[in-house]
Amino acid sequence: KLSRITKGKKSNMSKFSDADTIYATGMVAAILSLLGSVFILAIYCMARELRNRSYFLVANLALAGFFFNAIYFIHNPEDTLCKIKGYLKISIGMVIFAWTTLIAKLLKASLNTREIKMGSLKKTTVCVWVVPMIAGLFPFFTNNYGDSGLWCGITGPRNGPGLVIWRMLLYYIPLWFAVIYSFWTYRQIQKLLEERFPIGSRTPQEEEVIKKVRRLKFYPMTLVVCGIWITIHRFMETVVTDHKSIPLEIISVFFTYLQGFLNAIVYGMNDQVRRSLKKSFTALTPCLQRIRERRGSRGAEIELNMNEEEPR
């Protein structure tokens, strides 16, 4: 069946075709994000020069994005499985917001010459993963996980206190806090470097650093682009009676699950990663050349043997 059945009732989707379209749109975005996350994780595992503190944070963000998009493919779950899927979606979403915030915080700390100890970073990593997973358990006690119409998530009576409070506390407040804090932090970093390297006395290397810092604004922009649509959708649901907009639902699903792909572009495809990829391809070139030469010599040998065996 194309629509979920919850407690003997059909899903809130009015048409099966709408449900199909929404699910297929989300699947495209989820596949792109899974590929992006796998790319980041593969680069981190294969390139030794990228196994540093900075890329360790990016790898964790990619890992959270991988799990977030992987659970999307648990299609049309019912009852308990739908509640578990909703819990994982909300909890891992908070993990993604936390890693985005932490990357901004630690980047600013590194520019202030504060040494980030690996032991402290490991403890922070455990907290970033564990605390959201614990926080995500609370809606179970108020029975607020289930089929929310658009997907499995936080549900309840329309505009009921449990529905609104849990959605705000566990998703929208962390989302927009991460956005505001990241923008503020990267603006502080830009001001710090502009004061450290005044205009008119910058070297080419310092000018290049300033340009890179200005590109940091794209980091929180991924949260804005992916989070604004579902925020608008949920806001309209809250304030407008019987609000239903299939186009807005499609856009919301697409961008919510596209975040891993955009993170891979913004966080992953930096100069250091490009240099590492170029180095890897350069190392592979001689191997590929030797393979082509072997295939060419083998083909010539086979052709020669066939000519010798032809009857005269």
C-alpha atoms as a PDB file:
ATOM      1  CA  LYS A   1       0.000   0.000   0.000  1.00  0.00           C
ATOM      2  CA  LEU A   2       1.204   3.472  -0.766  1.00  0.00           C
ATOM      3  CA  SER A   3      -0.237   5.143   2.330  1.00  0.00           C
ATOM      4  CA  ARG A   4       0.500   4.207   5.925  1.00  0.00           C
ATOM      5  CA  ILE A   5      -2.266   2.715   8.017  1.00  0.00           C
ATOM      6  CA  THR A   6      -2.168   3.821  11.647  1.00  0.00           C
ATOM      7  CA  LYS A   7      -4.785   2.495  14.072  1.00  0.00           C
ATOM      8  CA  GLY A   8      -7.094   1.519  11.229  1.00  0.00           C
ATOM      9  CA  LYS A   9      -7.060   4.938   9.555  1.00  0.00           C
ATOM     10  CA  LYS A  10      -5.475   6.033   6.333  1.00  0.00           C
ATOM     11  CA  SER A  11      -2.584   8.470   6.283  1.00  0.00           C
ATOM     12  CA  ASN A  12      -3.264  12.205   6.046  1.00  0.00           C
ATOM     13  CA  MET A  13      -2.181  12.204   2.403  1.00  0.00           C
ATOM     14  CA  SER A  14      -5.278  12.731   0.285  1.00  0.00           C
ATOM     15  CA  LYS A  15      -3.983  10.981  -2.810  1.00  0.00           C
ATOM     16  CA  PHE A  16      -1.731   8.009  -3.308  1.00  0.00           C
ATOM     17  CA  SER A  17       0.004   9.831  -6.151  1.00  0.00           C
ATOM     18  CA  ASP A  18       0.903  12.671  -3.789  1.00  0.00           C
ATOM     19  CA  ALA A  19       2.385  10.193  -1.312  1.00  0.00           C
ATOM     20  CA  ASP A  20       4.390   8.557  -4.091  1.00  0.00           C
ATOM     21  CA  THR A  21       5.709  11.895  -5.321  1.00  0.00           C
ATOM     22  CA  ILE A  22       6.731  13.037  -1.857  1.00  0.00           C
ATOM     23  CA  TYR A  23       8.457   9.752  -1.036  1.00  0.00           C
ATOM     24  CA  ALA A  24      10.270   9.589  -4.393  1.00  0.00           C
ATOM     25  CA  THR A  25      11.454  13.191  -4.026  1.00  0.00           C
ATOM     26  CA  GLY A  26      12.822  12.481  -0.582  1.00  0.00           C
ATOM     27  CA  MET A  27      14.471   9.308  -1.863  1.00  0.00           C
ATOM     28  CA  VAL A  28      16.394  11.236  -4.535  1.00  0.00           C
ATOM     29  CA  ALA A  29      17.661  13.699  -1.923  1.00  0.00           C
ATOM     30  CA  ALA A  30      18.482  10.909   0.539  1.00  0.00           C
ATOM     31  CA  ILE A  31      20.484   8.982  -2.079  1.00  0.00           C
ATOM     32  CA  LEU A  32      22.490  12.112  -2.958  1.00  0.00           C
ATOM     33  CA  SER A  33      23.168  12.749   0.730  1.00  0.00           C
ATOM     34  CA  LEU A  34      24.193   9.141   1.350  1.00  0.00           C
ATOM     35  CA  LEU A  35      26.679   9.358  -1.521  1.00  0.00           C
ATOM     36  CA  GLY A  36      28.016  12.648  -0.157  1.00  0.00           C
ATOM     37  CA  SER A  37      28.411  11.214   3.334  1.00  0.00           C
ATOM     38  CA  VAL A  38      30.144   8.075   2.051  1.00  0.00           C
ATOM     39  CA  PHE A  39      32.514  10.257   0.016  1.00  0.00           C
ATOM     40  CA  ILE A  40      33.517  12.286   3.086  1.00  0.00           C
ATOM     41  CA  LEU A  41      33.985   9.175   5.234  1.00  0.00           C
ATOM     42  CA  ALA A  42      35.999   7.425   2.515  1.00  0.00           C
ATOM     43  CA  ILE A  43      38.285  10.425   2.097  1.00  0.00           C
ATOM     44  CA  TYR A  44      38.814  10.598   5.867  1.00  0.00           C
ATOM     45  CA  CYS A  45      39.709   6.893   6.066  1.00  0.00           C
ATOM     46  CA  MET A  46      41.962   6.824   2.972  1.00  0.00           C
ATOM     47  CA  ALA A  47      43.869  10.119   3.196  1.00  0.00           C
ATOM     48  CA  ARG A  48      46.269  10.165   6.140  1.00  0.00           C
ATOM     49  CA  GLU A  49      46.874  13.894   5.865  1.00  0.00           C
ATOM     50  CA  LEU A  50      43.159  14.483   6.538  1.00  0.00           C
ATOM     51  CA  ARG A  51      43.121  12.528   9.783  1.00  0.00           C
ATOM     52  CA  ASN A  52      43.344  15.667  11.877  1.00  0.00           C
ATOM     53  CA  ARG A  53      41.092  17.284  14.470  1.00  0.00           C
ATOM     54  CA  SER A  54      39.281  19.519  11.984  1.00  0.00           C
ATOM     55  CA  TYR A  55      38.351  16.779   9.549  1.00  0.00           C
ATOM     56  CA  PHE A  56      37.515  14.467  12.435  1.00  0.00           C
ATOM     57  CA  LEU A  57      34.624  16.817  13.202  1.00  0.00           C
ATOM     58  CA  VAL A  58      33.554  16.864   9.548  1.00  0.00           C
ATOM     59  CA  ALA A  59      33.698  13.049   9.425  1.00  0.00           C
ATOM     60  CA  ASN A  60      31.396  12.838  12.448  1.00  0.00           C
ATOM     61  CA  LEU A  61      28.987  15.266  10.798  1.00  0.00           C
ATOM     62  CA  ALA A  62      29.032  13.074   7.671  1.00  0.00           C
ATOM     63  CA  LEU A  63      28.438   9.950   9.779  1.00  0.00           C
ATOM     64  CA  ALA A  64      25.404  11.563  11.424  1.00  0.00           C
ATOM     65  CA  GLY A  65      24.138  12.587   7.988  1.00  0.00           C
ATOM     66  CA  PHE A  66      24.579   9.011   6.750  1.00  0.00           C
ATOM     67  CA  PHE A  67      22.409   7.594   9.551  1.00  0.00           C
ATOM     68  CA  PHE A  68      19.827  10.367   9.163  1.00  0.00           C
ATOM     69  CA  ASN A  69      19.330   9.579   5.479  1.00  0.00           C
ATOM     70  CA  ALA A  70      19.621   5.802   5.822  1.00  0.00           C
ATOM     71  CA  ILE A  71      16.554   5.597   8.076  1.00  0.00           C
ATOM     72  CA  TYR A  72      14.497   7.318   5.370  1.00  0.00           C
ATOM     73  CA  PHE A  73      14.472   4.043   3.434  1.00  0.00           C
ATOM     74  CA  ILE A  74      12.488   2.344   6.206  1.00  0.00           C
ATOM     75  CA  HIS A  75       9.326   2.929   4.186  1.00  0.00           C
ATOM     76  CA  ASN A  76       5.753   2.880   5.543  1.00  0.00           C
ATOM     77  CA  PRO A  77       6.533   1.497   9.001  1.00  0.00           C
ATOM     78  CA  GLU A  78       3.619   0.949  11.384  1.00  0.00           C
ATOM     79  CA  ASP A  79       3.118   1.477  15.106  1.00  0.00           C
ATOM     80  CA  THR A  80       6.300   0.682  17.074  1.00  0.00           C
ATOM     81  CA  LEU A  81       8.665   0.793  14.093  1.00  0.00           C
ATOM     82  CA  CYS A  82       7.251   4.184  13.081  1.00  0.00           C
ATOM     83  CA  LYS A  83       7.871   5.492  16.603  1.00  0.00           C
ATOM     84  CA  ILE A  84      11.455   4.217  16.520  1.00  0.00           C
ATOM     85  CA  LYS A  85      12.014   5.805  13.119  1.00  0.00           C
ATOM     86  CA  GLY A  86      10.636   9.104  14.402  1.00  0.00           C
ATOM     87  CA  TYR A  87      12.894   8.927  17.463  1.00  0.00           C
ATOM     88  CA  LEU A  88      15.979   8.273  15.336  1.00  0.00           C
ATOM     89  CA  LYS A  89      15.110  11.073  12.907  1.00  0.00           C
ATOM     90  CA  ILE A  90      14.678  13.643  15.684  1.00  0.00           C
ATOM     91  CA  SER A  91      17.691  12.493  17.722  1.00  0.00           C
ATOM     92  CA  ILE A  92      20.139  12.259  14.808  1.00  0.00           C
ATOM     93  CA  GLY A  93      18.852  15.601  13.531  1.00  0.00           C
ATOM     94  CA  MET A  94      19.915  17.119  16.863  1.00  0.00           C
ATOM     95  CA  VAL A  95      23.299  15.407  16.514  1.00  0.00           C
ATOM     96  CA  ILE A  96      23.755  17.112  13.123  1.00  0.00           C
ATOM     97  CA  PHE A  97      22.865  20.514  14.601  1.00  0.00           C
ATOM     98  CA  ALA A  98      25.268  19.912  17.485  1.00  0.00           C
ATOM     99  CA  TRP A  99      28.172  19.014  15.187  1.00  0.00           C
ATOM    100  CA  THR A 100      27.530  22.085  13.047  1.00  0.00           C
ATOM    101  CA  THR A 101      27.658  24.264  16.176  1.00  0.00           C
ATOM    102  CA  LEU A 102      30.733  22.497  17.534  1.00  0.00           C
ATOM    103  CA  ILE A 103      32.671  22.907  14.288  1.00  0.00           C
ATOM    104  CA  ALA A 104      32.090  26.666  14.444  1.00  0.00           C
ATOM    105  CA  LYS A 105      33.039  26.823  18.136  1.00  0.00           C
ATOM    106  CA  LEU A 106      36.266  24.830  17.785  1.00  0.00           C
ATOM    107  CA  LEU A 107      37.303  26.722  14.654  1.00  0.00           C
ATOM    108  CA  LYS A 108      37.061  29.984  16.584  1.00  0.00           C
ATOM    109  CA  ALA A 109      38.947  28.437  19.506  1.00  0.00           C
ATOM    110  CA  SER A 110      41.778  27.335  17.188  1.00  0.00           C
ATOM    111  CA  LEU A 111      42.127  30.889  15.844  1.00  0.00           C
ATOM    112  CA  ASN A 112      42.367  32.177  19.400  1.00  0.00           C
ATOM    113  CA  THR A 113      45.402  29.868  19.791  1.00  0.00           C
ATOM    114  CA  ARG A 114      43.603  27.665  22.264  1.00  0.00           C
ATOM    115  CA  GLU A 115      44.962  24.155  21.961  1.00  0.00           C
ATOM    116  CA  ILE A 116      42.266  21.541  21.493  1.00  0.00           C
ATOM    117  CA  LYS A 117      43.373  18.433  23.354  1.00  0.00           C
ATOM    118  CA  MET A 118      42.457  15.123  21.752  1.00  0.00           C
ATOM    119  CA  GLY A 119      41.261  13.676  25.067  1.00  0.00           C
ATOM    120  CA  SER A 120      38.877  16.579  25.550  1.00  0.00           C
ATOM    121  CA  LEU A 121      37.702  16.228  21.945  1.00  0.00           C
ATOM    122  CA  LYS A 122      36.893  12.549  22.487  1.00  0.00           C
ATOM    123  CA  LYS A 123      34.785  13.388  25.549  1.00  0.00           C
ATOM    124  CA  THR A 124      33.019  16.093  23.564  1.00  0.00           C
ATOM    125  CA  THR A 125      32.364  13.612  20.760  1.00  0.00           C
ATOM    126  CA  VAL A 126      30.697  11.182  23.148  1.00  0.00           C
ATOM    127  CA  CYS A 127      28.532  13.981  24.565  1.00  0.00           C
ATOM    128  CA  VAL A 128      27.501  15.214  21.097  1.00  0.00           C
ATOM    129  CA  TRP A 129      26.287  11.741  20.174  1.00  0.00           C
ATOM    130  CA  VAL A 130      24.837  10.608  23.504  1.00  0.00           C
ATOM    131  CA  VAL A 131      23.049  13.713  24.847  1.00  0.00           C
ATOM    132  CA  PRO A 132      20.727  14.163  21.798  1.00  0.00           C
ATOM    133  CA  MET A 133      19.951  10.437  21.780  1.00  0.00           C
ATOM    134  CA  ILE A 134      18.913  10.667  25.456  1.00  0.00           C
ATOM    135  CA  ALA A 135      16.956  13.899  24.927  1.00  0.00           C
ATOM    136  CA  GLY A 136      15.094  12.276  22.047  1.00  0.00           C
ATOM    137  CA  LEU A 137      13.660   9.639  24.419  1.00  0.00           C
ATOM    138  CA  PHE A 138      11.398  12.045  26.336  1.00  0.00           C
ATOM    139  CA  PRO A 139       8.490  12.143  23.803  1.00  0.00           C
ATOM    140  CA  PHE A 140       8.118   8.387  24.364  1.00  0.00           C
ATOM    141  CA  PHE A 141       6.916   9.115  27.913  1.00  0.00           C
ATOM    142  CA  THR A 142       4.120  11.353  26.587  1.00  0.00           C
ATOM    143  CA  ASN A 143       3.327   9.066  23.619  1.00  0.00           C
ATOM    144  CA  ASN A 144       4.237  11.774  21.096  1.00  0.00           C
ATOM    145  CA  TYR A 145       6.053   9.654  18.512  1.00  0.00           C
ATOM    146  CA  GLY A 146       4.194   8.208  15.542  1.00  0.00           C
ATOM    147  CA  ASP A 147       2.772   8.973  12.114  1.00  0.00           C
ATOM    148  CA  SER A 148       2.827  12.781  11.766  1.00  0.00           C
ATOM    149  CA  GLY A 149       1.257  12.721   8.283  1.00  0.00           C
ATOM    150  CA  LEU A 150       4.324  13.866   6.375  1.00  0.00           C
ATOM    151  CA  TRP A 151       6.598  11.210   7.911  1.00  0.00           C
ATOM    152  CA  CYS A 152       7.234   9.400  11.173  1.00  0.00           C
ATOM    153  CA  GLY A 153       8.135  11.907  13.863  1.00  0.00           C
ATOM    154  CA  ILE A 154       6.641  13.866  16.742  1.00  0.00           C
ATOM    155  CA  THR A 155       2.851  13.743  16.610  1.00  0.00           C
ATOM    156  CA  GLY A 156      -0.194  14.417  18.755  1.00  0.00           C
ATOM    157  CA  PRO A 157      -3.473  16.362  18.791  1.00  0.00           C
ATOM    158  CA  ARG A 158      -3.396  19.414  16.514  1.00  0.00           C
ATOM    159  CA  ASN A 159      -1.642  22.271  18.338  1.00  0.00           C
ATOM    160  CA  GLY A 160      -1.624  20.133  21.493  1.00  0.00           C
ATOM    161  CA  PRO A 161       0.979  21.130  24.104  1.00  0.00           C
ATOM    162  CA  GLY A 162       2.982  17.921  23.709  1.00  0.00           C
ATOM    163  CA  LEU A 163       3.176  18.229  19.930  1.00  0.00           C
ATOM    164  CA  VAL A 164       4.236  21.889  19.903  1.00  0.00           C
ATOM    165  CA  ILE A 165       6.601  21.714  22.891  1.00  0.00           C
ATOM    166  CA  TRP A 166       8.502  18.626  21.756  1.00  0.00           C
ATOM    167  CA  ARG A 167       8.837  19.851  18.174  1.00  0.00           C
ATOM    168  CA  MET A 168      10.170  23.183  19.394  1.00  0.00           C
ATOM    169  CA  LEU A 169      12.521  21.770  22.059  1.00  0.00           C
ATOM    170  CA  LEU A 170      13.911  18.863  20.064  1.00  0.00           C
ATOM    171  CA  TYR A 171      14.047  20.198  16.526  1.00  0.00           C
ATOM    172  CA  TYR A 172      13.298  23.818  15.696  1.00  0.00           C
ATOM    173  CA  ILE A 173      15.046  25.530  18.627  1.00  0.00           C
ATOM    174  CA  PRO A 174      18.253  23.441  18.163  1.00  0.00           C
ATOM    175  CA  LEU A 175      18.078  24.029  14.392  1.00  0.00           C
ATOM    176  CA  TRP A 176      17.806  27.805  14.531  1.00  0.00           C
ATOM    177  CA  PHE A 177      20.153  28.105  17.510  1.00  0.00           C
ATOM    178  CA  ALA A 178      22.789  26.294  15.416  1.00  0.00           C
ATOM    179  CA  VAL A 179      22.133  28.662  12.509  1.00  0.00           C
ATOM    180  CA  ILE A 180      22.314  31.869  14.589  1.00  0.00           C
ATOM    181  CA  TYR A 181      25.322  30.737  16.635  1.00  0.00           C
ATOM    182  CA  SER A 182      27.242  29.610  13.543  1.00  0.00           C
ATOM    183  CA  PHE A 183      26.608  32.859  11.670  1.00  0.00           C
ATOM    184  CA  TRP A 184      27.623  34.883  14.736  1.00  0.00           C
ATOM    185  CA  THR A 185      30.762  32.791  15.291  1.00  0.00           C
ATOM    186  CA  TYR A 186      31.948  32.988  11.690  1.00  0.00           C
ATOM    187  CA  ARG A 187      31.342  36.743  11.726  1.00  0.00           C
ATOM    188  CA  GLN A 188      33.515  36.975  14.849  1.00  0.00           C
ATOM    189  CA  ILE A 189      36.213  34.931  13.109  1.00  0.00           C
ATOM    190  CA  GLN A 190      36.126  37.260  10.100  1.00  0.00           C
ATOM    191  CA  LYS A 191      36.425  40.348  12.340  1.00  0.00           C
ATOM    192  CA  LEU A 192      39.292  38.759  14.269  1.00  0.00           C
ATOM    193  CA  LEU A 193      41.296  38.041  11.122  1.00  0.00           C
ATOM    194  CA  GLU A 194      40.543  41.437   9.574  1.00  0.00           C
ATOM    195  CA  GLU A 195      41.916  43.084  12.712  1.00  0.00           C
ATOM    196  CA  ARG A 196      44.920  40.783  12.699  1.00  0.00           C
ATOM    197  CA  PHE A 197      45.584  41.403   8.990  1.00  0.00           C
ATOM    198  CA  PRO A 198      44.670  45.075   8.268  1.00  0.00           C
ATOM    199  CA  ILE A 199      43.746  46.104   4.723  1.00  0.00           C
ATOM    200  CA  GLY A 200      46.745  47.506   2.853  1.00  0.00           C
ATOM    201  CA  SER A 201      49.344  45.482   4.713  1.00  0.00           C
ATOM    202  CA  ARG A 202      48.238  41.951   3.865  1.00  0.00           C
ATOM    203  CA  THR A 203      50.516  39.489   2.159  1.00  0.00           C
ATOM    204  CA  PRO A 204      49.082  37.293  -0.643  1.00  0.00           C
ATOM    205  CA  GLN A 205      48.921  34.398   1.819  1.00  0.00           C
ATOM    206  CA  GLU A 206      46.999  36.511   4.353  1.00  0.00           C
ATOM    207  CA  GLU A 207      44.626  37.706   1.652  1.00  0.00           C
ATOM    208  CA  GLU A 208      43.973  34.100   0.717  1.00  0.00           C
ATOM    209  CA  VAL A 209      43.164  33.295   4.360  1.00  0.00           C
ATOM    210  CA  ILE A 210      40.644  36.160   4.462  1.00  0.00           C
ATOM    211  CA  LYS A 211      38.959  34.846   1.302  1.00  0.00           C
ATOM    212  CA  LYS A 212      38.678  31.376   2.830  1.00  0.00           C
ATOM    213  CA  VAL A 213      37.172  32.793   6.009  1.00  0.00           C
ATOM    214  CA  ARG A 214      34.570  34.709   4.005  1.00  0.00           C
ATOM    215  CA  ARG A 215      33.469  31.406   2.514  1.00  0.00           C
ATOM    216  CA  LEU A 216      32.680  30.109   6.010  1.00  0.00           C
ATOM    217  CA  LYS A 217      29.263  31.747   5.757  1.00  0.00           C
ATOM    218  CA  PHE A 218      28.237  28.839   3.535  1.00  0.00           C
ATOM    219  CA  TYR A 219      28.606  26.405   6.458  1.00  0.00           C
ATOM    220  CA  PRO A 220      25.437  27.484   8.337  1.00  0.00           C
ATOM    221  CA  MET A 221      23.720  28.295   5.036  1.00  0.00           C
ATOM    222  CA  THR A 222      23.184  24.558   4.550  1.00  0.00           C
ATOM    223  CA  LEU A 223      21.028  24.536   7.690  1.00  0.00           C
ATOM    224  CA  VAL A 224      19.100  27.590   6.489  1.00  0.00           C
ATOM    225  CA  VAL A 225      18.442  26.179   3.013  1.00  0.00           C
ATOM    226  CA  CYS A 226      17.416  22.778   4.358  1.00  0.00           C
ATOM    227  CA  GLY A 227      15.539  23.912   7.464  1.00  0.00           C
ATOM    228  CA  ILE A 228      13.556  26.937   6.302  1.00  0.00           C
ATOM    229  CA  TRP A 229      11.018  24.940   4.272  1.00  0.00           C
ATOM    230  CA  ILE A 230      10.001  22.461   6.958  1.00  0.00           C
ATOM    231  CA  THR A 231       9.866  25.350   9.440  1.00  0.00           C
ATOM    232  CA  ILE A 232       7.448  27.252   7.186  1.00  0.00           C
ATOM    233  CA  HIS A 233       5.401  24.104   6.639  1.00  0.00           C
ATOM    234  CA  ARG A 234       5.055  23.357  10.357  1.00  0.00           C
ATOM    235  CA  PHE A 235       4.317  27.029  11.130  1.00  0.00           C
ATOM    236  CA  MET A 236       1.515  27.057   8.566  1.00  0.00           C
ATOM    237  CA  GLU A 237       0.141  23.837  10.062  1.00  0.00           C
ATOM    238  CA  THR A 238       0.053  25.506  13.472  1.00  0.00           C
ATOM    239  CA  VAL A 239      -1.597  28.806  12.535  1.00  0.00           C
ATOM    240  CA  VAL A 240      -3.795  27.830   9.563  1.00  0.00           C
ATOM    241  CA  THR A 241      -6.703  25.458  10.068  1.00  0.00           C
ATOM    242  CA  ASP A 242      -6.650  22.469   7.703  1.00  0.00           C
ATOM    243  CA  HIS A 243      -3.453  23.697   6.076  1.00  0.00           C
ATOM    244  CA  LYS A 244      -2.341  21.380   3.257  1.00  0.00           C
ATOM    245  CA  SER A 245       0.146  22.203   0.530  1.00  0.00           C
ATOM    246  CA  ILE A 246       1.557  19.329  -1.474  1.00  0.00           C
ATOM    247  CA  PRO A 247       4.208  21.499  -3.230  1.00  0.00           C
ATOM    248  CA  LEU A 248       5.450  22.779   0.142  1.00  0.00           C
ATOM    249  CA  GLU A 249       5.539  19.235   1.520  1.00  0.00           C
ATOM    250  CA  ILE A 250       7.581  18.076  -1.481  1.00  0.00           C
ATOM    251  CA  ILE A 251      10.049  20.948  -1.097  1.00  0.00           C
ATOM    252  CA  SER A 252      10.273  20.330   2.666  1.00  0.00           C
ATOM    253  CA  VAL A 253      11.075  16.639   2.258  1.00  0.00           C
ATOM    254  CA  PHE A 254      13.580  17.252  -0.525  1.00  0.00           C
ATOM    255  CA  PHE A 255      15.634  19.867   1.294  1.00  0.00           C
ATOM    256  CA  THR A 256      15.406  18.177   4.701  1.00  0.00           C
ATOM    257  CA  TYR A 257      17.101  15.097   3.260  1.00  0.00           C
ATOM    258  CA  LEU A 258      19.470  17.008   0.972  1.00  0.00           C
ATOM    259  CA  GLN A 259      21.484  18.337   3.891  1.00  0.00           C
ATOM    260  CA  GLY A 260      24.075  15.545   3.820  1.00  0.00           C
ATOM    261  CA  PHE A 261      24.819  16.257   0.160  1.00  0.00           C
ATOM    262  CA  LEU A 262      25.220  19.999   0.766  1.00  0.00           C
ATOM    263  CA  ASN A 263      27.411  19.342   3.811  1.00  0.00           C
ATOM    264  CA  ALA A 264      29.654  17.159   1.664  1.00  0.00           C
ATOM    265  CA  ILE A 265      30.082  20.050  -0.787  1.00  0.00           C
ATOM    266  CA  VAL A 266      30.536  22.829   1.767  1.00  0.00           C
ATOM    267  CA  TYR A 267      32.567  21.036   4.437  1.00  0.00           C
ATOM    268  CA  GLY A 268      34.203  18.341   2.374  1.00  0.00           C
ATOM    269  CA  MET A 269      35.311  19.972  -0.863  1.00  0.00           C
ATOM    270  CA  ASN A 270      37.831  22.410   0.606  1.00  0.00           C
ATOM    271  CA  ASP A 271      41.337  23.082  -0.660  1.00  0.00           C
ATOM    272  CA  GLN A 272      42.871  20.422   1.555  1.00  0.00           C
ATOM    273  CA  VAL A 273      40.502  17.743   0.266  1.00  0.00           C
ATOM    274  CA  ARG A 274      41.074  18.780  -3.350  1.00  0.00           C
ATOM    275  CA  ARG A 275      44.841  18.558  -2.854  1.00  0.00           C
ATOM    276  CA  SER A 276      44.436  15.120  -1.319  1.00  0.00           C
ATOM    277  CA  LEU A 277      42.271  13.937  -4.230  1.00  0.00           C
ATOM    278  CA  LYS A 278      44.726  15.344  -6.758  1.00  0.00           C
ATOM    279  CA  LYS A 279      47.567  13.584  -4.958  1.00  0.00           C
ATOM    280  CA  SER A 280      45.636  10.298  -4.994  1.00  0.00           C
ATOM    281  CA  PHE A 281      44.827  10.565  -8.708  1.00  0.00           C
ATOM    282  CA  THR A 282      48.452  11.471  -9.435  1.00  0.00           C
ATOM    283  CA  ALA A 283      49.588   8.364  -7.578  1.00  0.00           C
ATOM    284  CA  LEU A 284      47.088   6.248  -9.497  1.00  0.00           C
ATOM    285  CA  THR A 285      48.131   7.553 -12.925  1.00  0.00           C
ATOM    286  CA  PRO A 286      51.283   5.382 -13.280  1.00  0.00           C
ATOM    287  CA  CYS A 287      49.290   2.320 -12.210  1.00  0.00           C
ATOM    288  CA  LEU A 288      46.574   3.024 -14.759  1.00  0.00           C
ATOM    289  CA  GLN A 289      49.220   3.642 -17.412  1.00  0.00           C
ATOM    290  CA  ARG A 290      50.867   0.294 -16.694  1.00  0.00           C
ATOM    291  CA  ILE A 291      47.494  -1.470 -16.887  1.00  0.00           C
ATOM    292  CA  ARG A 292      46.793   0.127 -20.277  1.00  0.00           C
ATOM    293  CA  GLU A 293      50.248  -0.849 -21.523  1.00  0.00           C
ATOM    294  CA  ARG A 294      49.755  -4.440 -20.402  1.00  0.00           C
ATOM    295  CA  ARG A 295      46.367  -4.617 -22.085  1.00  0.00           C
ATOM    296  CA  GLY A 296      47.851  -3.105 -25.244  1.00  0.00           C
ATOM    297  CA  SER A 297      50.779  -5.553 -25.353  1.00  0.00           C
ATOM    298  CA  ARG A 298      48.471  -8.489 -24.602  1.00  0.00           C
ATOM    299  CA  GLY A 299      46.126  -7.431 -27.416  1.00  0.00           C
ATOM    300  CA  ALA A 300      49.041  -7.105 -29.847  1.00  0.00           C
ATOM    301  CA  GLU A 301      50.323 -10.544 -28.828  1.00  0.00           C
ATOM    302  CA  ILE A 302      46.911 -12.148 -29.404  1.00  0.00           C
ATOM    303  CA  GLU A 303      46.597 -10.467 -32.794  1.00  0.00           C
ATOM    304  CA  LEU A 304      50.069 -11.692 -33.777  1.00  0.00           C
ATOM    305  CA  ASN A 305      49.242 -15.276 -32.757  1.00  0.00           C
ATOM    306  CA  MET A 306      46.023 -15.173 -34.777  1.00  0.00           C
ATOM    307  CA  ASN A 307      47.902 -13.969 -37.882  1.00  0.00           C
ATOM    308  CA  GLU A 308      50.432 -16.784 -37.507  1.00  0.00           C
ATOM    309  CA  GLU A 309      47.664 -19.389 -37.260  1.00  0.00           C
ATOM    310  CA  GLU A 310      45.880 -18.210 -40.441  1.00  0.00           C
ATOM    311  CA  PRO A 311      46.081 -20.851 -43.243  1.00  0.00           C
ATOM    312  CA  ARG A 312      48.138 -19.901 -46.278  1.00  0.00           C
END
